[in-house]
Amino acid sequence: MSGPTVIPFAEGEARLDWIALTDALAAGHDLPKAEVSDSFLYRGDDTLLSRAAWIDGLGIATKAATIFPGNNALGLPGVNGAVCVMSDQDGMMQALIDFHLVTKWKTAGDSLLAARRLARADSRNILIVGAGTVAASLIEAYGAGFPDAQFTIWNRTTSRAEETAVRFGNVTVATDLEKAVGQADIVACATMSTQPVLRGEWLRPGQHVDLIGAYRPDMREADDVALKRARIFVDSFDTTIDHIGELKIPLSEGVITRADVLADYYDLASFNRADDDITLFKNGGGAHLDLMTSRYILDCWNGA
């Protein structure tokens, strides 16, 4: 019996397509709701994060990630791991996929699916707030979804934004965040901030806001005014509302109510907008999206 398929980053990525991935994510939400589980183990500053998901009709995935902050000083990646995909029929292991490949495409694809439903189709100016690894992925993904768009990037450390701009060639660096937000049709935030960097008073009717960076209960990227002005959507109620500060904090303080969070991906039909709406999407990730993305990657690898 042959072993599971091993899919490395470069060889796997060469077969993928951003639009096809968002279609696969949408189709995954037509299946029965995922069962998900997360667990954490710690040793000092080091962390092992294990995520698991099971979707009836699609399969099983476990994602193991090691976060070792001290690796940077050794010239090694600080985050490593792998995703294991197993058959829904017999539980047999089918594939071992590079962690970074799944994470990159899951994270940016998650945001692109929302933007395809919530952003104006004529969006031409896209602002990326933050200049880390995710920012580069967003430029690729949004570039596929909005091929006529022009990109601007802002980062607290301007030199980091300039490095990303040089890498892509078609990206302008902004130094005034308020002005850049006012000129954008889509504002995508991918920072590690615990305090809001995006102010609602800067927003104008017709914009789409994509919030990606916050993942802990103490983290936020948008302020209360932004949430109150926008129609709010999430990828999953289960992995955002009670877990991520972006929504958990304003909900606990009465700034917004649970009814203000209009829909998640299990109700994609409700992802819609009027021209003058400000739409806001919280990308929370989740093991079920890792599974959907991994299955898409495996299908592409097998030529399906």
C-alpha atoms as a PDB file:
ATOM      1  CA  MET A   1       0.000   0.000   0.000  1.00  0.00           C
ATOM      2  CA  SER A   2       1.384   3.395  -0.978  1.00  0.00           C
ATOM      3  CA  GLY A   3       1.785   6.068   1.661  1.00  0.00           C
ATOM      4  CA  PRO A   4       0.047   9.445   1.863  1.00  0.00           C
ATOM      5  CA  THR A   5       0.754  12.142  -0.690  1.00  0.00           C
ATOM      6  CA  VAL A   6       3.287  14.741   0.470  1.00  0.00           C
ATOM      7  CA  ILE A   7       2.663  18.228  -0.945  1.00  0.00           C
ATOM      8  CA  PRO A   8       5.490  20.781  -0.516  1.00  0.00           C
ATOM      9  CA  PHE A   9       4.946  24.532  -0.789  1.00  0.00           C
ATOM     10  CA  ALA A  10       6.275  25.551  -4.213  1.00  0.00           C
ATOM     11  CA  GLU A  11       5.092  22.493  -6.127  1.00  0.00           C
ATOM     12  CA  GLY A  12       1.666  22.667  -4.514  1.00  0.00           C
ATOM     13  CA  GLU A  13       1.172  26.397  -4.997  1.00  0.00           C
ATOM     14  CA  ALA A  14       1.953  26.196  -8.718  1.00  0.00           C
ATOM     15  CA  ARG A  15      -1.331  24.321  -9.251  1.00  0.00           C
ATOM     16  CA  LEU A  16      -3.640  26.635  -7.293  1.00  0.00           C
ATOM     17  CA  ASP A  17      -6.012  29.412  -8.315  1.00  0.00           C
ATOM     18  CA  TRP A  18      -7.479  32.040  -5.973  1.00  0.00           C
ATOM     19  CA  ILE A  19     -10.926  32.212  -7.579  1.00  0.00           C
ATOM     20  CA  ALA A  20     -11.270  28.439  -7.684  1.00  0.00           C
ATOM     21  CA  LEU A  21     -10.315  28.281  -4.010  1.00  0.00           C
ATOM     22  CA  THR A  22     -13.066  30.725  -3.022  1.00  0.00           C
ATOM     23  CA  ASP A  23     -15.556  28.620  -4.982  1.00  0.00           C
ATOM     24  CA  ALA A  24     -14.332  25.549  -3.081  1.00  0.00           C
ATOM     25  CA  LEU A  25     -14.737  27.354   0.257  1.00  0.00           C
ATOM     26  CA  ALA A  26     -18.280  28.349  -0.675  1.00  0.00           C
ATOM     27  CA  ALA A  27     -19.098  24.766  -1.679  1.00  0.00           C
ATOM     28  CA  GLY A  28     -17.651  23.476   1.583  1.00  0.00           C
ATOM     29  CA  HIS A  29     -20.237  25.475   3.487  1.00  0.00           C
ATOM     30  CA  ASP A  30     -23.042  23.689   1.628  1.00  0.00           C
ATOM     31  CA  LEU A  31     -22.009  20.506   3.446  1.00  0.00           C
ATOM     32  CA  PRO A  32     -23.000  19.674   7.043  1.00  0.00           C
ATOM     33  CA  LYS A  33     -21.533  22.054   9.596  1.00  0.00           C
ATOM     34  CA  ALA A  34     -17.986  21.256  10.622  1.00  0.00           C
ATOM     35  CA  GLU A  35     -16.983  19.838  13.977  1.00  0.00           C
ATOM     36  CA  VAL A  36     -13.873  21.708  15.145  1.00  0.00           C
ATOM     37  CA  SER A  37     -11.449  21.569  18.050  1.00  0.00           C
ATOM     38  CA  ASP A  38      -8.386  23.592  19.066  1.00  0.00           C
ATOM     39  CA  SER A  39      -5.798  22.798  21.721  1.00  0.00           C
ATOM     40  CA  PHE A  40      -2.647  24.518  22.988  1.00  0.00           C
ATOM     41  CA  LEU A  41       0.459  23.216  24.761  1.00  0.00           C
ATOM     42  CA  TYR A  42       3.093  25.551  26.186  1.00  0.00           C
ATOM     43  CA  ARG A  43       6.750  25.414  27.276  1.00  0.00           C
ATOM     44  CA  GLY A  44       7.876  28.849  28.294  1.00  0.00           C
ATOM     45  CA  ASP A  45       7.583  31.061  25.209  1.00  0.00           C
ATOM     46  CA  ASP A  46       7.150  28.067  22.889  1.00  0.00           C
ATOM     47  CA  THR A  47       3.707  26.883  21.768  1.00  0.00           C
ATOM     48  CA  LEU A  48       2.186  23.866  20.049  1.00  0.00           C
ATOM     49  CA  LEU A  49      -1.175  24.663  18.460  1.00  0.00           C
ATOM     50  CA  SER A  50      -3.254  21.733  17.248  1.00  0.00           C
ATOM     51  CA  ARG A  51      -6.421  22.317  15.224  1.00  0.00           C
ATOM     52  CA  ALA A  52      -8.796  19.631  13.986  1.00  0.00           C
ATOM     53  CA  ALA A  53     -11.888  19.636  11.787  1.00  0.00           C
ATOM     54  CA  TRP A  54     -14.282  16.998  10.473  1.00  0.00           C
ATOM     55  CA  ILE A  55     -16.830  17.732   7.772  1.00  0.00           C
ATOM     56  CA  ASP A  56     -19.184  14.942   6.823  1.00  0.00           C
ATOM     57  CA  GLY A  57     -18.741  14.348   3.111  1.00  0.00           C
ATOM     58  CA  LEU A  58     -15.404  16.165   2.867  1.00  0.00           C
ATOM     59  CA  GLY A  59     -13.021  14.567   5.314  1.00  0.00           C
ATOM     60  CA  ILE A  60     -10.837  15.177   8.345  1.00  0.00           C
ATOM     61  CA  ALA A  61      -7.856  17.461   8.841  1.00  0.00           C
ATOM     62  CA  THR A  62      -5.475  18.086  11.702  1.00  0.00           C
ATOM     63  CA  LYS A  63      -3.159  21.085  11.619  1.00  0.00           C
ATOM     64  CA  ALA A  64      -0.183  21.183  13.966  1.00  0.00           C
ATOM     65  CA  ALA A  65       1.793  24.398  14.325  1.00  0.00           C
ATOM     66  CA  THR A  66       4.857  25.068  16.442  1.00  0.00           C
ATOM     67  CA  ILE A  67       5.570  28.675  17.414  1.00  0.00           C
ATOM     68  CA  PHE A  68       9.144  29.082  18.672  1.00  0.00           C
ATOM     69  CA  PRO A  69       9.961  32.832  18.969  1.00  0.00           C
ATOM     70  CA  GLY A  70      13.624  32.117  19.711  1.00  0.00           C
ATOM     71  CA  ASN A  71      14.118  30.610  16.259  1.00  0.00           C
ATOM     72  CA  ASN A  72      14.475  34.041  14.704  1.00  0.00           C
ATOM     73  CA  ALA A  73      17.780  34.570  16.501  1.00  0.00           C
ATOM     74  CA  LEU A  74      18.969  31.219  15.103  1.00  0.00           C
ATOM     75  CA  GLY A  75      18.037  32.110  11.535  1.00  0.00           C
ATOM     76  CA  LEU A  76      15.180  29.602  11.572  1.00  0.00           C
ATOM     77  CA  PRO A  77      11.466  30.138  10.871  1.00  0.00           C
ATOM     78  CA  GLY A  78       9.515  30.920  14.035  1.00  0.00           C
ATOM     79  CA  VAL A  79       6.410  29.066  12.885  1.00  0.00           C
ATOM     80  CA  ASN A  80       6.439  25.546  11.443  1.00  0.00           C
ATOM     81  CA  GLY A  81       4.053  22.661  11.046  1.00  0.00           C
ATOM     82  CA  ALA A  82       2.032  20.470   8.729  1.00  0.00           C
ATOM     83  CA  VAL A  83      -1.550  19.596   7.854  1.00  0.00           C
ATOM     84  CA  CYS A  84      -2.691  15.978   7.747  1.00  0.00           C
ATOM     85  CA  VAL A  85      -5.731  15.161   5.583  1.00  0.00           C
ATOM     86  CA  MET A  86      -7.694  11.954   6.169  1.00  0.00           C
ATOM     87  CA  SER A  87     -10.475  10.226   4.290  1.00  0.00           C
ATOM     88  CA  ASP A  88     -14.055  10.739   5.377  1.00  0.00           C
ATOM     89  CA  GLN A  89     -14.884   7.178   4.308  1.00  0.00           C
ATOM     90  CA  ASP A  90     -12.283   5.063   6.093  1.00  0.00           C
ATOM     91  CA  GLY A  91     -10.120   7.485   8.100  1.00  0.00           C
ATOM     92  CA  MET A  92      -7.003   6.620   6.126  1.00  0.00           C
ATOM     93  CA  MET A  93      -4.353   9.322   5.876  1.00  0.00           C
ATOM     94  CA  GLN A  94      -4.404  10.794   2.368  1.00  0.00           C
ATOM     95  CA  ALA A  95      -1.988  13.713   2.400  1.00  0.00           C
ATOM     96  CA  LEU A  96       0.581  15.656   4.385  1.00  0.00           C
ATOM     97  CA  ILE A  97       0.599  19.283   3.214  1.00  0.00           C
ATOM     98  CA  ASP A  98       3.063  22.065   4.008  1.00  0.00           C
ATOM     99  CA  PHE A  99       1.687  24.182   6.857  1.00  0.00           C
ATOM    100  CA  HIS A 100       2.653  27.486   5.242  1.00  0.00           C
ATOM    101  CA  LEU A 101       0.908  26.578   1.978  1.00  0.00           C
ATOM    102  CA  VAL A 102      -2.396  25.808   3.696  1.00  0.00           C
ATOM    103  CA  THR A 103      -2.203  28.847   5.988  1.00  0.00           C
ATOM    104  CA  LYS A 104      -1.361  31.306   3.206  1.00  0.00           C
ATOM    105  CA  TRP A 105      -4.158  30.197   0.905  1.00  0.00           C
ATOM    106  CA  LYS A 106      -6.719  29.680   3.677  1.00  0.00           C
ATOM    107  CA  THR A 107      -6.177  33.121   5.191  1.00  0.00           C
ATOM    108  CA  ALA A 108      -6.184  35.199   2.006  1.00  0.00           C
ATOM    109  CA  GLY A 109      -8.807  33.022   0.326  1.00  0.00           C
ATOM    110  CA  ASP A 110     -11.111  33.480   3.312  1.00  0.00           C
ATOM    111  CA  SER A 111     -10.928  37.251   2.872  1.00  0.00           C
ATOM    112  CA  LEU A 112     -11.305  37.088  -0.901  1.00  0.00           C
ATOM    113  CA  LEU A 113     -14.491  35.031  -0.668  1.00  0.00           C
ATOM    114  CA  ALA A 114     -16.046  37.715   1.540  1.00  0.00           C
ATOM    115  CA  ALA A 115     -14.855  40.523  -0.735  1.00  0.00           C
ATOM    116  CA  ARG A 116     -16.322  38.826  -3.800  1.00  0.00           C
ATOM    117  CA  ARG A 117     -19.705  38.960  -2.038  1.00  0.00           C
ATOM    118  CA  LEU A 118     -19.453  42.202  -0.034  1.00  0.00           C
ATOM    119  CA  ALA A 119     -17.190  44.626  -1.904  1.00  0.00           C
ATOM    120  CA  ARG A 120     -18.468  46.675  -4.813  1.00  0.00           C
ATOM    121  CA  ALA A 121     -17.681  44.943  -8.094  1.00  0.00           C
ATOM    122  CA  ASP A 122     -16.178  48.192  -9.395  1.00  0.00           C
ATOM    123  CA  SER A 123     -13.660  48.454  -6.533  1.00  0.00           C
ATOM    124  CA  ARG A 124     -10.405  49.803  -7.956  1.00  0.00           C
ATOM    125  CA  ASN A 125      -8.374  51.056  -4.993  1.00  0.00           C
ATOM    126  CA  ILE A 126      -7.307  48.516  -2.385  1.00  0.00           C
ATOM    127  CA  LEU A 127      -5.452  49.526   0.767  1.00  0.00           C
ATOM    128  CA  ILE A 128      -3.467  46.951   2.726  1.00  0.00           C
ATOM    129  CA  VAL A 129      -2.753  47.976   6.336  1.00  0.00           C
ATOM    130  CA  GLY A 130       0.280  46.077   7.580  1.00  0.00           C
ATOM    131  CA  ALA A 131       3.311  44.779   5.696  1.00  0.00           C
ATOM    132  CA  GLY A 132       3.855  41.277   7.021  1.00  0.00           C
ATOM    133  CA  THR A 133       3.537  37.895   5.338  1.00  0.00           C
ATOM    134  CA  VAL A 134      -0.258  38.079   5.160  1.00  0.00           C
ATOM    135  CA  ALA A 135      -0.127  41.445   3.389  1.00  0.00           C
ATOM    136  CA  ALA A 136       1.763  39.896   0.481  1.00  0.00           C
ATOM    137  CA  SER A 137      -0.777  37.072   0.267  1.00  0.00           C
ATOM    138  CA  LEU A 138      -3.622  39.587   0.200  1.00  0.00           C
ATOM    139  CA  ILE A 139      -2.084  41.468  -2.713  1.00  0.00           C
ATOM    140  CA  GLU A 140      -1.942  38.200  -4.668  1.00  0.00           C
ATOM    141  CA  ALA A 141      -5.485  37.136  -3.744  1.00  0.00           C
ATOM    142  CA  TYR A 142      -7.166  40.504  -4.205  1.00  0.00           C
ATOM    143  CA  GLY A 143      -5.245  40.975  -7.442  1.00  0.00           C
ATOM    144  CA  ALA A 144      -6.918  37.825  -8.776  1.00  0.00           C
ATOM    145  CA  GLY A 145     -10.362  38.882  -7.607  1.00  0.00           C
ATOM    146  CA  PHE A 146     -10.068  42.514  -8.701  1.00  0.00           C
ATOM    147  CA  PRO A 147      -7.612  42.437 -11.620  1.00  0.00           C
ATOM    148  CA  ASP A 148      -8.021  46.137 -12.465  1.00  0.00           C
ATOM    149  CA  ALA A 149      -7.307  47.321  -8.925  1.00  0.00           C
ATOM    150  CA  GLN A 150      -4.417  49.476  -7.774  1.00  0.00           C
ATOM    151  CA  PHE A 151      -2.818  48.682  -4.419  1.00  0.00           C
ATOM    152  CA  THR A 152      -1.601  50.925  -1.633  1.00  0.00           C
ATOM    153  CA  ILE A 153       0.153  49.673   1.488  1.00  0.00           C
ATOM    154  CA  TRP A 154       0.619  51.369   4.841  1.00  0.00           C
ATOM    155  CA  ASN A 155       2.718  50.162   7.739  1.00  0.00           C
ATOM    156  CA  ARG A 156       3.874  51.787  10.971  1.00  0.00           C
ATOM    157  CA  THR A 157       7.435  51.126   9.820  1.00  0.00           C
ATOM    158  CA  THR A 158       7.448  52.643   6.345  1.00  0.00           C
ATOM    159  CA  SER A 159      10.555  50.746   5.257  1.00  0.00           C
ATOM    160  CA  ARG A 160       8.655  47.455   5.601  1.00  0.00           C
ATOM    161  CA  ALA A 161       5.909  48.776   3.336  1.00  0.00           C
ATOM    162  CA  GLU A 162       8.528  49.907   0.839  1.00  0.00           C
ATOM    163  CA  GLU A 163      10.044  46.419   0.765  1.00  0.00           C
ATOM    164  CA  THR A 164       6.659  44.916  -0.115  1.00  0.00           C
ATOM    165  CA  ALA A 165       6.009  47.593  -2.734  1.00  0.00           C
ATOM    166  CA  VAL A 166       9.326  46.856  -4.445  1.00  0.00           C
ATOM    167  CA  ARG A 167       8.578  43.142  -4.430  1.00  0.00           C
ATOM    168  CA  PHE A 168       5.284  43.538  -6.317  1.00  0.00           C
ATOM    169  CA  GLY A 169       6.039  46.590  -8.415  1.00  0.00           C
ATOM    170  CA  ASN A 170       2.421  47.775  -8.702  1.00  0.00           C
ATOM    171  CA  VAL A 171       2.029  48.919  -5.095  1.00  0.00           C
ATOM    172  CA  THR A 172       2.141  52.495  -3.789  1.00  0.00           C
ATOM    173  CA  VAL A 173       3.343  53.241  -0.253  1.00  0.00           C
ATOM    174  CA  ALA A 174       1.113  55.464   1.899  1.00  0.00           C
ATOM    175  CA  THR A 175       2.427  57.524   4.810  1.00  0.00           C
ATOM    176  CA  ASP A 176      -0.901  59.089   5.834  1.00  0.00           C
ATOM    177  CA  LEU A 177      -3.266  56.320   6.938  1.00  0.00           C
ATOM    178  CA  GLU A 178      -6.347  58.515   7.246  1.00  0.00           C
ATOM    179  CA  LYS A 179      -5.923  59.832   3.714  1.00  0.00           C
ATOM    180  CA  ALA A 180      -5.249  56.342   2.337  1.00  0.00           C
ATOM    181  CA  VAL A 181      -8.383  54.934   3.971  1.00  0.00           C
ATOM    182  CA  GLY A 182     -10.464  57.762   2.521  1.00  0.00           C
ATOM    183  CA  GLN A 183      -9.251  56.986  -0.994  1.00  0.00           C
ATOM    184  CA  ALA A 184      -9.736  53.198  -0.798  1.00  0.00           C
ATOM    185  CA  ASP A 185     -12.650  51.078  -1.988  1.00  0.00           C
ATOM    186  CA  ILE A 186     -11.426  48.091   0.033  1.00  0.00           C
ATOM    187  CA  VAL A 187      -9.466  48.381   3.286  1.00  0.00           C
ATOM    188  CA  ALA A 188      -7.769  45.154   4.416  1.00  0.00           C
ATOM    189  CA  CYS A 189      -6.099  45.188   7.843  1.00  0.00           C
ATOM    190  CA  ALA A 190      -3.477  42.552   8.609  1.00  0.00           C
ATOM    191  CA  THR A 191      -1.653  43.841  11.685  1.00  0.00           C
ATOM    192  CA  MET A 192      -0.716  42.431  15.068  1.00  0.00           C
ATOM    193  CA  SER A 193      -2.240  45.402  16.876  1.00  0.00           C
ATOM    194  CA  THR A 194      -4.066  45.119  20.188  1.00  0.00           C
ATOM    195  CA  GLN A 195      -5.429  48.652  19.821  1.00  0.00           C
ATOM    196  CA  PRO A 196      -7.539  49.820  16.863  1.00  0.00           C
ATOM    197  CA  VAL A 197      -5.589  51.282  13.955  1.00  0.00           C
ATOM    198  CA  LEU A 198      -8.662  51.875  11.764  1.00  0.00           C
ATOM    199  CA  ARG A 199     -11.023  54.684  12.798  1.00  0.00           C
ATOM    200  CA  GLY A 200     -14.637  54.593  11.739  1.00  0.00           C
ATOM    201  CA  GLU A 201     -14.727  58.345  11.185  1.00  0.00           C
ATOM    202  CA  TRP A 202     -12.343  57.822   8.246  1.00  0.00           C
ATOM    203  CA  LEU A 203     -14.715  55.483   6.400  1.00  0.00           C
ATOM    204  CA  ARG A 204     -17.083  56.545   3.639  1.00  0.00           C
ATOM    205  CA  PRO A 205     -20.214  54.916   2.151  1.00  0.00           C
ATOM    206  CA  GLY A 206     -19.551  52.139  -0.340  1.00  0.00           C
ATOM    207  CA  GLN A 207     -16.366  50.787   1.236  1.00  0.00           C
ATOM    208  CA  HIS A 208     -15.596  47.219   2.278  1.00  0.00           C
ATOM    209  CA  VAL A 209     -13.448  46.583   5.362  1.00  0.00           C
ATOM    210  CA  ASP A 210     -11.581  43.291   5.800  1.00  0.00           C
ATOM    211  CA  LEU A 211     -10.185  42.622   9.296  1.00  0.00           C
ATOM    212  CA  ILE A 212      -7.667  39.792   9.512  1.00  0.00           C
ATOM    213  CA  GLY A 213      -4.976  40.411  12.103  1.00  0.00           C
ATOM    214  CA  ALA A 214      -6.723  40.114  15.468  1.00  0.00           C
ATOM    215  CA  TYR A 215      -6.880  36.531  16.754  1.00  0.00           C
ATOM    216  CA  ARG A 216      -6.747  36.846  20.564  1.00  0.00           C
ATOM    217  CA  PRO A 217      -9.400  38.160  22.994  1.00  0.00           C
ATOM    218  CA  ASP A 218      -7.321  41.312  23.629  1.00  0.00           C
ATOM    219  CA  MET A 219      -6.723  42.243  19.972  1.00  0.00           C
ATOM    220  CA  ARG A 220      -8.595  44.738  17.786  1.00  0.00           C
ATOM    221  CA  GLU A 221      -7.908  46.532  14.501  1.00  0.00           C
ATOM    222  CA  ALA A 222     -11.093  48.637  14.086  1.00  0.00           C
ATOM    223  CA  ASP A 223     -12.641  51.003  16.612  1.00  0.00           C
ATOM    224  CA  ASP A 224     -16.208  51.146  17.924  1.00  0.00           C
ATOM    225  CA  VAL A 225     -17.286  53.764  15.383  1.00  0.00           C
ATOM    226  CA  ALA A 226     -16.267  51.502  12.493  1.00  0.00           C
ATOM    227  CA  LEU A 227     -18.349  48.645  13.858  1.00  0.00           C
ATOM    228  CA  LYS A 228     -21.366  50.865  14.495  1.00  0.00           C
ATOM    229  CA  ARG A 229     -21.278  52.314  10.966  1.00  0.00           C
ATOM    230  CA  ALA A 230     -20.883  48.986   9.167  1.00  0.00           C
ATOM    231  CA  ARG A 231     -22.907  45.931   8.274  1.00  0.00           C
ATOM    232  CA  ILE A 232     -20.914  43.187  10.024  1.00  0.00           C
ATOM    233  CA  PHE A 233     -20.196  39.683   8.703  1.00  0.00           C
ATOM    234  CA  VAL A 234     -17.880  36.879   9.875  1.00  0.00           C
ATOM    235  CA  ASP A 235     -16.558  33.645   8.440  1.00  0.00           C
ATOM    236  CA  SER A 236     -17.779  31.682  11.465  1.00  0.00           C
ATOM    237  CA  PHE A 237     -19.868  32.707  14.453  1.00  0.00           C
ATOM    238  CA  ASP A 238     -18.272  29.899  16.473  1.00  0.00           C
ATOM    239  CA  THR A 239     -14.656  31.025  16.041  1.00  0.00           C
ATOM    240  CA  THR A 240     -15.046  34.805  16.257  1.00  0.00           C
ATOM    241  CA  ILE A 241     -17.798  36.188  18.495  1.00  0.00           C
ATOM    242  CA  ASP A 242     -16.690  34.739  21.835  1.00  0.00           C
ATOM    243  CA  HIS A 243     -13.002  34.375  21.006  1.00  0.00           C
ATOM    244  CA  ILE A 244     -11.602  37.431  19.205  1.00  0.00           C
ATOM    245  CA  GLY A 245     -11.452  40.912  20.716  1.00  0.00           C
ATOM    246  CA  GLU A 246     -12.575  42.525  17.466  1.00  0.00           C
ATOM    247  CA  LEU A 247     -16.129  41.461  18.346  1.00  0.00           C
ATOM    248  CA  LYS A 248     -15.872  40.079  21.878  1.00  0.00           C
ATOM    249  CA  ILE A 249     -14.902  43.443  23.412  1.00  0.00           C
ATOM    250  CA  PRO A 250     -17.544  45.673  21.758  1.00  0.00           C
ATOM    251  CA  LEU A 251     -20.211  43.026  22.391  1.00  0.00           C
ATOM    252  CA  SER A 252     -19.321  42.828  26.092  1.00  0.00           C
ATOM    253  CA  GLU A 253     -19.376  46.633  26.364  1.00  0.00           C
ATOM    254  CA  GLY A 254     -22.740  46.987  24.606  1.00  0.00           C
ATOM    255  CA  VAL A 255     -21.309  48.913  21.651  1.00  0.00           C
ATOM    256  CA  ILE A 256     -22.954  46.404  19.291  1.00  0.00           C
ATOM    257  CA  THR A 257     -25.377  43.532  19.876  1.00  0.00           C
ATOM    258  CA  ARG A 258     -25.280  39.949  18.706  1.00  0.00           C
ATOM    259  CA  ALA A 259     -27.981  40.811  16.164  1.00  0.00           C
ATOM    260  CA  ASP A 260     -25.575  43.276  14.531  1.00  0.00           C
ATOM    261  CA  VAL A 261     -23.397  40.370  13.360  1.00  0.00           C
ATOM    262  CA  LEU A 262     -25.534  39.543  10.360  1.00  0.00           C
ATOM    263  CA  ALA A 263     -24.266  36.264   8.920  1.00  0.00           C
ATOM    264  CA  ASP A 264     -21.419  33.790   8.620  1.00  0.00           C
ATOM    265  CA  TYR A 265     -20.420  31.566   5.707  1.00  0.00           C
ATOM    266  CA  TYR A 266     -23.098  29.008   6.528  1.00  0.00           C
ATOM    267  CA  ASP A 267     -25.539  31.670   5.302  1.00  0.00           C
ATOM    268  CA  LEU A 268     -23.696  32.982   2.256  1.00  0.00           C
ATOM    269  CA  ALA A 269     -26.976  34.074   0.664  1.00  0.00           C
ATOM    270  CA  SER A 270     -27.080  36.877   3.244  1.00  0.00           C
ATOM    271  CA  PHE A 271     -23.674  38.221   2.186  1.00  0.00           C
ATOM    272  CA  ASN A 272     -24.926  41.165   0.137  1.00  0.00           C
ATOM    273  CA  ARG A 273     -24.740  44.933   0.054  1.00  0.00           C
ATOM    274  CA  ALA A 274     -26.339  48.102  -1.233  1.00  0.00           C
ATOM    275  CA  ASP A 275     -24.035  50.522  -3.060  1.00  0.00           C
ATOM    276  CA  ASP A 276     -23.782  52.955  -0.141  1.00  0.00           C
ATOM    277  CA  ASP A 277     -23.306  50.357   2.599  1.00  0.00           C
ATOM    278  CA  ILE A 278     -20.091  50.058   4.552  1.00  0.00           C
ATOM    279  CA  THR A 279     -19.507  46.326   4.901  1.00  0.00           C
ATOM    280  CA  LEU A 280     -17.120  44.853   7.470  1.00  0.00           C
ATOM    281  CA  PHE A 281     -15.861  41.273   7.500  1.00  0.00           C
ATOM    282  CA  LYS A 282     -13.980  39.592  10.333  1.00  0.00           C
ATOM    283  CA  ASN A 283     -11.669  36.860   9.085  1.00  0.00           C
ATOM    284  CA  GLY A 284     -11.279  34.494  12.014  1.00  0.00           C
ATOM    285  CA  GLY A 285      -9.814  31.497  10.224  1.00  0.00           C
ATOM    286  CA  GLY A 286     -10.707  28.172  11.815  1.00  0.00           C
ATOM    287  CA  ALA A 287      -9.818  24.535  11.365  1.00  0.00           C
ATOM    288  CA  HIS A 288     -12.809  23.908   9.090  1.00  0.00           C
ATOM    289  CA  LEU A 289     -11.359  26.405   6.586  1.00  0.00           C
ATOM    290  CA  ASP A 290      -7.982  24.652   6.846  1.00  0.00           C
ATOM    291  CA  LEU A 291      -9.766  21.416   5.936  1.00  0.00           C
ATOM    292  CA  MET A 292     -11.618  22.956   2.989  1.00  0.00           C
ATOM    293  CA  THR A 293      -8.413  24.557   1.722  1.00  0.00           C
ATOM    294  CA  SER A 294      -6.409  21.363   2.192  1.00  0.00           C
ATOM    295  CA  ARG A 295      -8.978  19.335   0.298  1.00  0.00           C
ATOM    296  CA  TYR A 296      -8.865  21.874  -2.533  1.00  0.00           C
ATOM    297  CA  ILE A 297      -5.041  21.664  -2.602  1.00  0.00           C
ATOM    298  CA  LEU A 298      -5.136  17.854  -2.662  1.00  0.00           C
ATOM    299  CA  ASP A 299      -7.720  17.848  -5.452  1.00  0.00           C
ATOM    300  CA  CYS A 300      -5.555  20.204  -7.510  1.00  0.00           C
ATOM    301  CA  TRP A 301      -2.501  18.035  -6.853  1.00  0.00           C
ATOM    302  CA  ASN A 302      -4.418  14.985  -8.102  1.00  0.00           C
ATOM    303  CA  GLY A 303      -5.707  16.851 -11.155  1.00  0.00           C
ATOM    304  CA  ALA A 304      -9.339  16.826 -10.041  1.00  0.00           C
END
